[in-house]
């Protein structure tokens, strides 16, 4: 068996495999964030290119010529975009903090990474709960 080297991070002794797990978490959170940002960029590009047609289609299909309801819908859409932006912010900050903590062996950066990851999962629970409530209300209205 190989002897495992240990480093002291976050007042806990991490061996080489633990450090590799944290590196893996950092890499995967970055890949996830970049892929979500890429998809969001493509959707934004679609709205820039075909914005008027998409808005008109949403208005006609959903609201039957009611302009006020379409404006409200777009406002709700903007709030959702802001929430998803905050969600991605926490994911990216967690990745950067983990990577920074491994390179500098900083306890504070590791704690910040876990804090941002916790906030990311809290937003996941909130978004999931809102989705569940929305689906239940749709079932009730059927």
N, C-alpha and C. Protein backbone atom coordinates (compact mmCIF):
# COMPACT_ATOMS: atom_id res chain seq x y z
N UNK A 1 0.83 -1.19 0.00
CA UNK A 1 0.00 0.00 0.00
C UNK A 1 0.87 1.25 0.00
N UNK A 2 0.41 2.25 -0.71
CA UNK A 2 1.13 3.50 -0.75
C UNK A 2 0.79 4.33 0.48
N UNK A 3 1.76 5.00 1.05
CA UNK A 3 1.43 5.92 2.15
C UNK A 3 0.74 7.15 1.57
N UNK A 4 -0.30 7.57 2.24
CA UNK A 4 -1.06 8.71 1.75
C UNK A 4 -0.58 9.97 2.46
N UNK A 5 -0.29 10.99 1.66
CA UNK A 5 0.12 12.26 2.24
C UNK A 5 -1.12 13.00 2.70
N UNK A 6 -0.98 13.77 3.75
CA UNK A 6 -2.11 14.51 4.30
C UNK A 6 -1.80 15.99 4.31
N UNK A 7 -2.81 16.80 4.07
CA UNK A 7 -2.70 18.24 4.22
C UNK A 7 -3.76 18.68 5.22
N UNK A 8 -3.48 19.77 5.87
CA UNK A 8 -4.42 20.29 6.84
C UNK A 8 -5.25 21.39 6.19
N UNK A 9 -6.51 21.09 5.92
CA UNK A 9 -7.46 22.05 5.38
C UNK A 9 -8.69 22.08 6.27
N UNK A 10 -9.16 23.27 6.58
CA UNK A 10 -10.40 23.42 7.33
C UNK A 10 -10.31 22.71 8.68
N UNK A 11 -9.12 22.70 9.26
CA UNK A 11 -8.83 22.02 10.53
C UNK A 11 -9.16 20.54 10.50
N UNK A 12 -9.17 19.97 9.33
CA UNK A 12 -9.37 18.55 9.14
C UNK A 12 -8.21 18.06 8.30
N UNK A 13 -7.73 16.88 8.57
CA UNK A 13 -6.64 16.33 7.77
C UNK A 13 -7.21 15.63 6.55
N UNK A 14 -6.90 16.18 5.39
CA UNK A 14 -7.34 15.61 4.13
C UNK A 14 -6.19 14.80 3.53
N UNK A 15 -6.48 13.57 3.19
CA UNK A 15 -5.47 12.79 2.49
C UNK A 15 -5.57 13.09 0.99
N UNK A 16 -4.76 12.43 0.22
CA UNK A 16 -4.70 12.72 -1.22
C UNK A 16 -6.02 12.41 -1.92
N UNK A 17 -6.69 11.34 -1.53
CA UNK A 17 -7.96 11.01 -2.18
C UNK A 17 -9.04 12.03 -1.84
N UNK A 18 -9.05 12.55 -0.62
CA UNK A 18 -10.03 13.59 -0.26
C UNK A 18 -9.79 14.86 -1.06
N UNK A 19 -8.52 15.20 -1.23
CA UNK A 19 -8.18 16.37 -2.03
C UNK A 19 -8.62 16.17 -3.48
N UNK A 20 -8.45 14.95 -3.98
CA UNK A 20 -8.89 14.66 -5.35
C UNK A 20 -10.40 14.76 -5.49
N UNK A 21 -11.14 14.35 -4.46
CA UNK A 21 -12.60 14.49 -4.49
C UNK A 21 -13.01 15.96 -4.55
N UNK A 22 -12.35 16.79 -3.78
CA UNK A 22 -12.67 18.22 -3.80
C UNK A 22 -12.32 18.83 -5.15
N UNK A 23 -11.20 18.40 -5.74
CA UNK A 23 -10.85 18.86 -7.09
C UNK A 23 -11.93 18.43 -8.08
N UNK A 24 -12.40 17.21 -7.94
CA UNK A 24 -13.44 16.70 -8.83
C UNK A 24 -14.73 17.51 -8.68
N UNK A 25 -15.10 17.82 -7.44
CA UNK A 25 -16.30 18.64 -7.20
C UNK A 25 -16.14 20.00 -7.86
N UNK A 26 -14.96 20.58 -7.70
CA UNK A 26 -14.69 21.89 -8.31
C UNK A 26 -14.81 21.83 -9.83
N UNK A 27 -14.23 20.80 -10.43
CA UNK A 27 -14.28 20.68 -11.88
C UNK A 27 -15.71 20.45 -12.39
N UNK A 28 -16.47 19.58 -11.72
CA UNK A 28 -17.82 19.28 -12.18
C UNK A 28 -18.77 20.45 -11.98
N UNK A 29 -18.60 21.20 -10.89
CA UNK A 29 -19.46 22.38 -10.72
C UNK A 29 -19.16 23.41 -11.80
N UNK A 30 -17.90 23.53 -12.18
CA UNK A 30 -17.55 24.46 -13.25
C UNK A 30 -18.13 24.00 -14.59
N UNK A 31 -18.04 22.70 -14.89
CA UNK A 31 -18.59 22.18 -16.15
C UNK A 31 -20.10 22.40 -16.19
N UNK A 32 -20.78 22.13 -15.08
CA UNK A 32 -22.22 22.33 -15.02
C UNK A 32 -22.59 23.79 -15.23
N UNK A 33 -21.86 24.68 -14.56
CA UNK A 33 -22.15 26.11 -14.70
C UNK A 33 -21.90 26.59 -16.12
N UNK A 34 -20.82 26.16 -16.73
CA UNK A 34 -20.50 26.59 -18.09
C UNK A 34 -21.54 26.07 -19.08
N UNK A 35 -21.98 24.82 -18.90
CA UNK A 35 -22.98 24.29 -19.82
C UNK A 35 -24.31 25.01 -19.67
N UNK A 36 -24.71 25.33 -18.45
CA UNK A 36 -25.96 26.07 -18.23
C UNK A 36 -25.84 27.47 -18.80
N UNK A 37 -24.68 28.12 -18.62
CA UNK A 37 -24.48 29.45 -19.18
C UNK A 37 -24.51 29.41 -20.71
N UNK A 38 -23.97 28.35 -21.29
CA UNK A 38 -24.00 28.21 -22.76
C UNK A 38 -25.43 28.08 -23.26
N UNK A 39 -26.22 27.27 -22.60
CA UNK A 39 -27.62 27.11 -23.00
C UNK A 39 -28.37 28.43 -22.84
N UNK A 40 -28.12 29.12 -21.72
CA UNK A 40 -28.77 30.42 -21.51
C UNK A 40 -28.35 31.42 -22.57
N UNK A 41 -27.09 31.38 -22.97
CA UNK A 41 -26.62 32.27 -24.03
C UNK A 41 -27.28 31.98 -25.35
N UNK A 42 -27.47 30.71 -25.67
CA UNK A 42 -28.16 30.35 -26.91
C UNK A 42 -29.61 30.81 -26.89
N UNK A 43 -30.28 30.67 -25.76
CA UNK A 43 -31.67 31.13 -25.65
C UNK A 43 -31.73 32.65 -25.78
N UNK A 44 -30.78 33.35 -25.15
CA UNK A 44 -30.73 34.80 -25.27
C UNK A 44 -30.48 35.22 -26.72
N UNK A 45 -29.59 34.52 -27.39
CA UNK A 45 -29.33 34.80 -28.80
C UNK A 45 -30.59 34.59 -29.64
N UNK A 46 -31.35 33.55 -29.33
CA UNK A 46 -32.61 33.30 -30.03
C UNK A 46 -33.58 34.44 -29.81
N UNK A 47 -33.68 34.94 -28.56
CA UNK A 47 -34.58 36.06 -28.29
C UNK A 47 -34.11 37.34 -28.98
N UNK A 48 -32.81 37.53 -29.09
CA UNK A 48 -32.31 38.72 -29.78
C UNK A 48 -32.64 38.65 -31.27
N UNK A 49 -32.43 37.48 -31.85
CA UNK A 49 -32.66 37.33 -33.29
C UNK A 49 -34.14 37.34 -33.61
N UNK A 50 -34.95 36.62 -32.85
CA UNK A 50 -36.36 36.46 -33.18
C UNK A 50 -37.26 36.97 -32.06
N UNK A 51 -36.85 38.02 -31.37
CA UNK A 51 -37.56 38.51 -30.20
C UNK A 51 -39.00 38.89 -30.44
N UNK A 52 -39.24 39.69 -31.46
CA UNK A 52 -40.62 40.15 -31.71
C UNK A 52 -41.54 39.00 -32.08
N UNK A 53 -41.04 38.06 -32.88
CA UNK A 53 -41.87 36.93 -33.26
C UNK A 53 -42.18 36.04 -32.06
N UNK A 54 -41.19 35.83 -31.20
CA UNK A 54 -41.40 34.98 -30.01
C UNK A 54 -42.39 35.62 -29.06
N UNK A 55 -42.24 36.93 -28.81
CA UNK A 55 -43.16 37.63 -27.92
C UNK A 55 -44.57 37.63 -28.49
N UNK A 56 -44.69 37.85 -29.78
CA UNK A 56 -46.00 37.82 -30.41
C UNK A 56 -46.63 36.43 -30.31
N UNK A 57 -45.84 35.40 -30.53
CA UNK A 57 -46.34 34.03 -30.43
C UNK A 57 -46.80 33.72 -29.00
N UNK A 58 -46.02 34.14 -28.01
CA UNK A 58 -46.41 33.92 -26.61
C UNK A 58 -47.71 34.66 -26.32
N UNK A 59 -47.81 35.89 -26.79
CA UNK A 59 -49.00 36.70 -26.52
C UNK A 59 -50.24 36.08 -27.16
N UNK A 60 -50.15 35.68 -28.40
CA UNK A 60 -51.32 35.14 -29.10
C UNK A 60 -51.69 33.77 -28.56
N UNK A 61 -50.73 32.89 -28.38
CA UNK A 61 -51.01 31.52 -27.95
C UNK A 61 -51.50 31.46 -26.51
N UNK A 62 -50.95 32.30 -25.65
CA UNK A 62 -51.23 32.17 -24.23
C UNK A 62 -52.33 33.11 -23.75
N UNK A 63 -52.35 34.33 -24.26
CA UNK A 63 -53.20 35.34 -23.66
C UNK A 63 -54.32 35.85 -24.56
N UNK A 64 -54.43 35.33 -25.76
CA UNK A 64 -55.53 35.70 -26.65
C UNK A 64 -55.71 37.21 -26.76
N UNK A 65 -54.68 37.88 -27.23
CA UNK A 65 -54.71 39.31 -27.52
C UNK A 65 -54.81 40.21 -26.28
N UNK A 66 -54.52 39.72 -25.10
CA UNK A 66 -54.53 40.56 -23.90
C UNK A 66 -53.11 41.06 -23.66
N UNK A 67 -52.87 42.31 -23.98
CA UNK A 67 -51.53 42.86 -23.91
C UNK A 67 -51.03 42.98 -22.47
N UNK A 68 -51.90 43.29 -21.53
CA UNK A 68 -51.47 43.46 -20.14
C UNK A 68 -50.96 42.14 -19.57
N UNK A 69 -51.64 41.05 -19.87
CA UNK A 69 -51.23 39.75 -19.36
C UNK A 69 -49.89 39.33 -19.96
N UNK A 70 -49.66 39.68 -21.21
CA UNK A 70 -48.38 39.34 -21.84
C UNK A 70 -47.25 40.11 -21.17
N UNK A 71 -47.47 41.37 -20.82
CA UNK A 71 -46.45 42.15 -20.12
C UNK A 71 -46.15 41.57 -18.75
N UNK A 72 -47.19 41.12 -18.04
CA UNK A 72 -46.99 40.48 -16.74
C UNK A 72 -46.18 39.20 -16.90
N UNK A 73 -46.49 38.44 -17.93
CA UNK A 73 -45.76 37.20 -18.20
C UNK A 73 -44.28 37.47 -18.45
N UNK A 74 -43.98 38.50 -19.20
CA UNK A 74 -42.58 38.85 -19.48
C UNK A 74 -41.89 39.31 -18.20
N UNK A 75 -42.60 40.04 -17.34
CA UNK A 75 -42.04 40.45 -16.05
C UNK A 75 -41.70 39.26 -15.16
N UNK A 76 -42.60 38.29 -15.12
CA UNK A 76 -42.33 37.06 -14.34
C UNK A 76 -41.14 36.31 -14.93
N UNK A 77 -41.05 36.30 -16.24
CA UNK A 77 -39.93 35.65 -16.91
C UNK A 77 -38.61 36.31 -16.53
N UNK A 78 -38.60 37.63 -16.45
CA UNK A 78 -37.38 38.35 -16.05
C UNK A 78 -36.99 38.04 -14.61
N UNK A 79 -37.97 37.93 -13.72
CA UNK A 79 -37.68 37.57 -12.33
C UNK A 79 -37.09 36.16 -12.26
N UNK A 80 -37.63 35.24 -13.04
CA UNK A 80 -37.09 33.89 -13.08
C UNK A 80 -35.66 33.87 -13.62
N UNK A 81 -35.37 34.70 -14.58
CA UNK A 81 -34.01 34.79 -15.11
C UNK A 81 -33.06 35.30 -14.04
N UNK A 82 -33.51 36.28 -13.25
CA UNK A 82 -32.68 36.78 -12.16
C UNK A 82 -32.42 35.71 -11.10
N UNK A 83 -33.43 34.93 -10.76
CA UNK A 83 -33.27 33.85 -9.78
C UNK A 83 -32.29 32.80 -10.31
N UNK A 84 -32.43 32.44 -11.58
CA UNK A 84 -31.51 31.46 -12.16
C UNK A 84 -30.10 32.01 -12.26
N UNK A 85 -29.97 33.31 -12.48
CA UNK A 85 -28.64 33.93 -12.47
C UNK A 85 -27.99 33.85 -11.10
N UNK A 86 -28.77 34.08 -10.06
CA UNK A 86 -28.26 33.94 -8.69
C UNK A 86 -27.87 32.49 -8.40
N UNK A 87 -28.67 31.57 -8.90
CA UNK A 87 -28.40 30.14 -8.74
C UNK A 87 -27.05 29.78 -9.37
N UNK A 88 -26.82 30.27 -10.58
CA UNK A 88 -25.55 30.02 -11.26
C UNK A 88 -24.39 30.73 -10.58
N UNK A 89 -24.63 31.90 -10.04
CA UNK A 89 -23.59 32.64 -9.32
C UNK A 89 -23.06 31.81 -8.16
N UNK A 90 -23.95 31.21 -7.39
CA UNK A 90 -23.50 30.40 -6.26
C UNK A 90 -22.73 29.17 -6.72
N UNK A 91 -23.14 28.58 -7.82
CA UNK A 91 -22.44 27.42 -8.35
C UNK A 91 -21.03 27.78 -8.80
N UNK A 92 -20.89 28.88 -9.52
CA UNK A 92 -19.57 29.31 -9.99
C UNK A 92 -18.69 29.71 -8.83
N UNK A 93 -19.25 30.45 -7.87
CA UNK A 93 -18.45 30.87 -6.70
C UNK A 93 -17.97 29.66 -5.89
N UNK A 94 -18.79 28.63 -5.78
CA UNK A 94 -18.37 27.42 -5.07
C UNK A 94 -17.19 26.77 -5.79
N UNK A 95 -17.27 26.67 -7.09
CA UNK A 95 -16.19 26.07 -7.87
C UNK A 95 -14.89 26.84 -7.71
N UNK A 96 -14.98 28.17 -7.81
CA UNK A 96 -13.78 29.00 -7.70
C UNK A 96 -13.20 28.90 -6.29
N UNK A 97 -14.05 28.91 -5.27
CA UNK A 97 -13.57 28.83 -3.89
C UNK A 97 -12.90 27.50 -3.60
N UNK A 98 -13.46 26.40 -4.10
CA UNK A 98 -12.84 25.09 -3.90
C UNK A 98 -11.47 25.02 -4.56
N UNK A 99 -11.40 25.50 -5.80
CA UNK A 99 -10.13 25.46 -6.51
C UNK A 99 -9.10 26.34 -5.82
N UNK A 100 -9.52 27.50 -5.35
CA UNK A 100 -8.62 28.42 -4.65
C UNK A 100 -8.15 27.83 -3.32
N UNK A 101 -9.04 27.14 -2.62
CA UNK A 101 -8.66 26.55 -1.34
C UNK A 101 -7.64 25.43 -1.51
N UNK A 102 -7.74 24.68 -2.60
CA UNK A 102 -6.78 23.61 -2.84
C UNK A 102 -5.42 24.14 -3.24
N UNK A 103 -5.40 25.23 -3.98
CA UNK A 103 -4.11 25.76 -4.41
C UNK A 103 -3.39 26.50 -3.28
N UNK A 104 -4.16 27.11 -2.37
CA UNK A 104 -3.53 27.89 -1.30
C UNK A 104 -3.64 27.23 0.08
N UNK A 105 -4.28 26.07 0.17
CA UNK A 105 -4.54 25.38 1.44
C UNK A 105 -5.19 26.30 2.46
N UNK A 106 -6.17 27.06 1.99
CA UNK A 106 -6.84 28.05 2.82
C UNK A 106 -8.12 27.48 3.42
N UNK A 107 -8.20 27.55 4.74
CA UNK A 107 -9.41 27.09 5.43
C UNK A 107 -10.60 27.98 5.09
N UNK A 108 -10.34 29.27 4.99
CA UNK A 108 -11.43 30.21 4.75
C UNK A 108 -12.03 30.01 3.36
N UNK A 109 -11.19 29.75 2.36
CA UNK A 109 -11.71 29.53 1.00
C UNK A 109 -12.53 28.25 0.92
N UNK A 110 -12.09 27.22 1.63
CA UNK A 110 -12.86 25.97 1.63
C UNK A 110 -14.23 26.17 2.30
N UNK A 111 -14.23 26.91 3.41
CA UNK A 111 -15.49 27.21 4.09
C UNK A 111 -16.41 28.04 3.19
N UNK A 112 -15.83 29.01 2.46
CA UNK A 112 -16.62 29.81 1.52
C UNK A 112 -17.21 28.94 0.41
N UNK A 113 -16.41 27.98 -0.09
CA UNK A 113 -16.91 27.08 -1.12
C UNK A 113 -18.11 26.28 -0.64
N UNK A 114 -18.01 25.74 0.58
CA UNK A 114 -19.13 24.98 1.12
C UNK A 114 -20.34 25.87 1.37
N UNK A 115 -20.09 27.13 1.78
CA UNK A 115 -21.20 28.07 2.00
C UNK A 115 -21.93 28.36 0.69
N UNK A 116 -21.17 28.60 -0.37
CA UNK A 116 -21.80 28.87 -1.66
C UNK A 116 -22.52 27.64 -2.19
N UNK A 117 -21.94 26.47 -1.98
CA UNK A 117 -22.60 25.24 -2.42
C UNK A 117 -23.89 25.00 -1.64
N UNK A 118 -23.88 25.32 -0.34
CA UNK A 118 -25.10 25.21 0.47
C UNK A 118 -26.18 26.15 -0.06
N UNK A 119 -25.80 27.40 -0.39
CA UNK A 119 -26.77 28.36 -0.94
C UNK A 119 -27.32 27.88 -2.28
N UNK A 120 -26.46 27.27 -3.09
CA UNK A 120 -26.89 26.71 -4.37
C UNK A 120 -27.97 25.65 -4.16
N UNK A 121 -27.75 24.75 -3.19
CA UNK A 121 -28.72 23.69 -2.95
C UNK A 121 -29.98 24.23 -2.28
N UNK A 122 -29.87 25.28 -1.48
CA UNK A 122 -31.07 25.91 -0.91
C UNK A 122 -31.94 26.47 -2.03
N UNK A 123 -31.31 27.14 -3.01
CA UNK A 123 -32.08 27.64 -4.15
C UNK A 123 -32.67 26.49 -4.96
N UNK A 124 -31.96 25.37 -5.06
CA UNK A 124 -32.52 24.19 -5.73
C UNK A 124 -33.80 23.73 -5.06
N UNK A 125 -33.79 23.69 -3.73
CA UNK A 125 -34.97 23.25 -2.99
C UNK A 125 -36.12 24.24 -3.20
N UNK A 126 -35.81 25.54 -3.18
CA UNK A 126 -36.85 26.55 -3.38
C UNK A 126 -37.45 26.44 -4.78
N UNK A 127 -36.59 26.31 -5.79
CA UNK A 127 -37.08 26.18 -7.16
C UNK A 127 -37.89 24.90 -7.32
N UNK A 128 -37.45 23.81 -6.72
CA UNK A 128 -38.20 22.56 -6.77
C UNK A 128 -39.55 22.66 -6.09
N UNK A 129 -39.58 23.34 -4.94
CA UNK A 129 -40.85 23.51 -4.22
C UNK A 129 -41.82 24.35 -5.03
N UNK A 130 -41.32 25.43 -5.65
CA UNK A 130 -42.19 26.26 -6.48
C UNK A 130 -42.72 25.47 -7.68
N UNK A 131 -41.87 24.64 -8.25
CA UNK A 131 -42.29 23.80 -9.37
C UNK A 131 -43.36 22.80 -8.93
N UNK A 132 -43.17 22.21 -7.77
CA UNK A 132 -44.15 21.27 -7.23
C UNK A 132 -45.49 21.95 -6.97
N UNK A 133 -45.45 23.12 -6.37
CA UNK A 133 -46.69 23.87 -6.09
C UNK A 133 -47.39 24.23 -7.39
N UNK A 134 -46.62 24.67 -8.38
CA UNK A 134 -47.22 25.02 -9.67
C UNK A 134 -47.89 23.81 -10.32
N UNK A 135 -47.22 22.68 -10.28
CA UNK A 135 -47.81 21.47 -10.87
C UNK A 135 -49.04 21.01 -10.12
N UNK A 136 -49.03 21.11 -8.79
CA UNK A 136 -50.21 20.73 -8.02
C UNK A 136 -51.39 21.65 -8.32
N UNK A 137 -51.12 22.95 -8.47
CA UNK A 137 -52.19 23.87 -8.82
C UNK A 137 -52.75 23.58 -10.20
N UNK A 138 -51.90 23.19 -11.12
CA UNK A 138 -52.37 22.80 -12.46
C UNK A 138 -53.25 21.58 -12.39
N UNK A 139 -52.90 20.61 -11.55
CA UNK A 139 -53.73 19.41 -11.39
C UNK A 139 -55.07 19.72 -10.78
N UNK A 140 -55.09 20.64 -9.84
CA UNK A 140 -56.33 21.01 -9.19
C UNK A 140 -57.27 21.71 -10.18
N UNK A 141 -56.70 22.53 -11.06
CA UNK A 141 -57.52 23.29 -12.01
C UNK A 141 -57.99 22.46 -13.18
N UNK A 142 -57.49 21.26 -13.35
CA UNK A 142 -57.96 20.41 -14.46
C UNK A 142 -59.31 19.90 -14.12
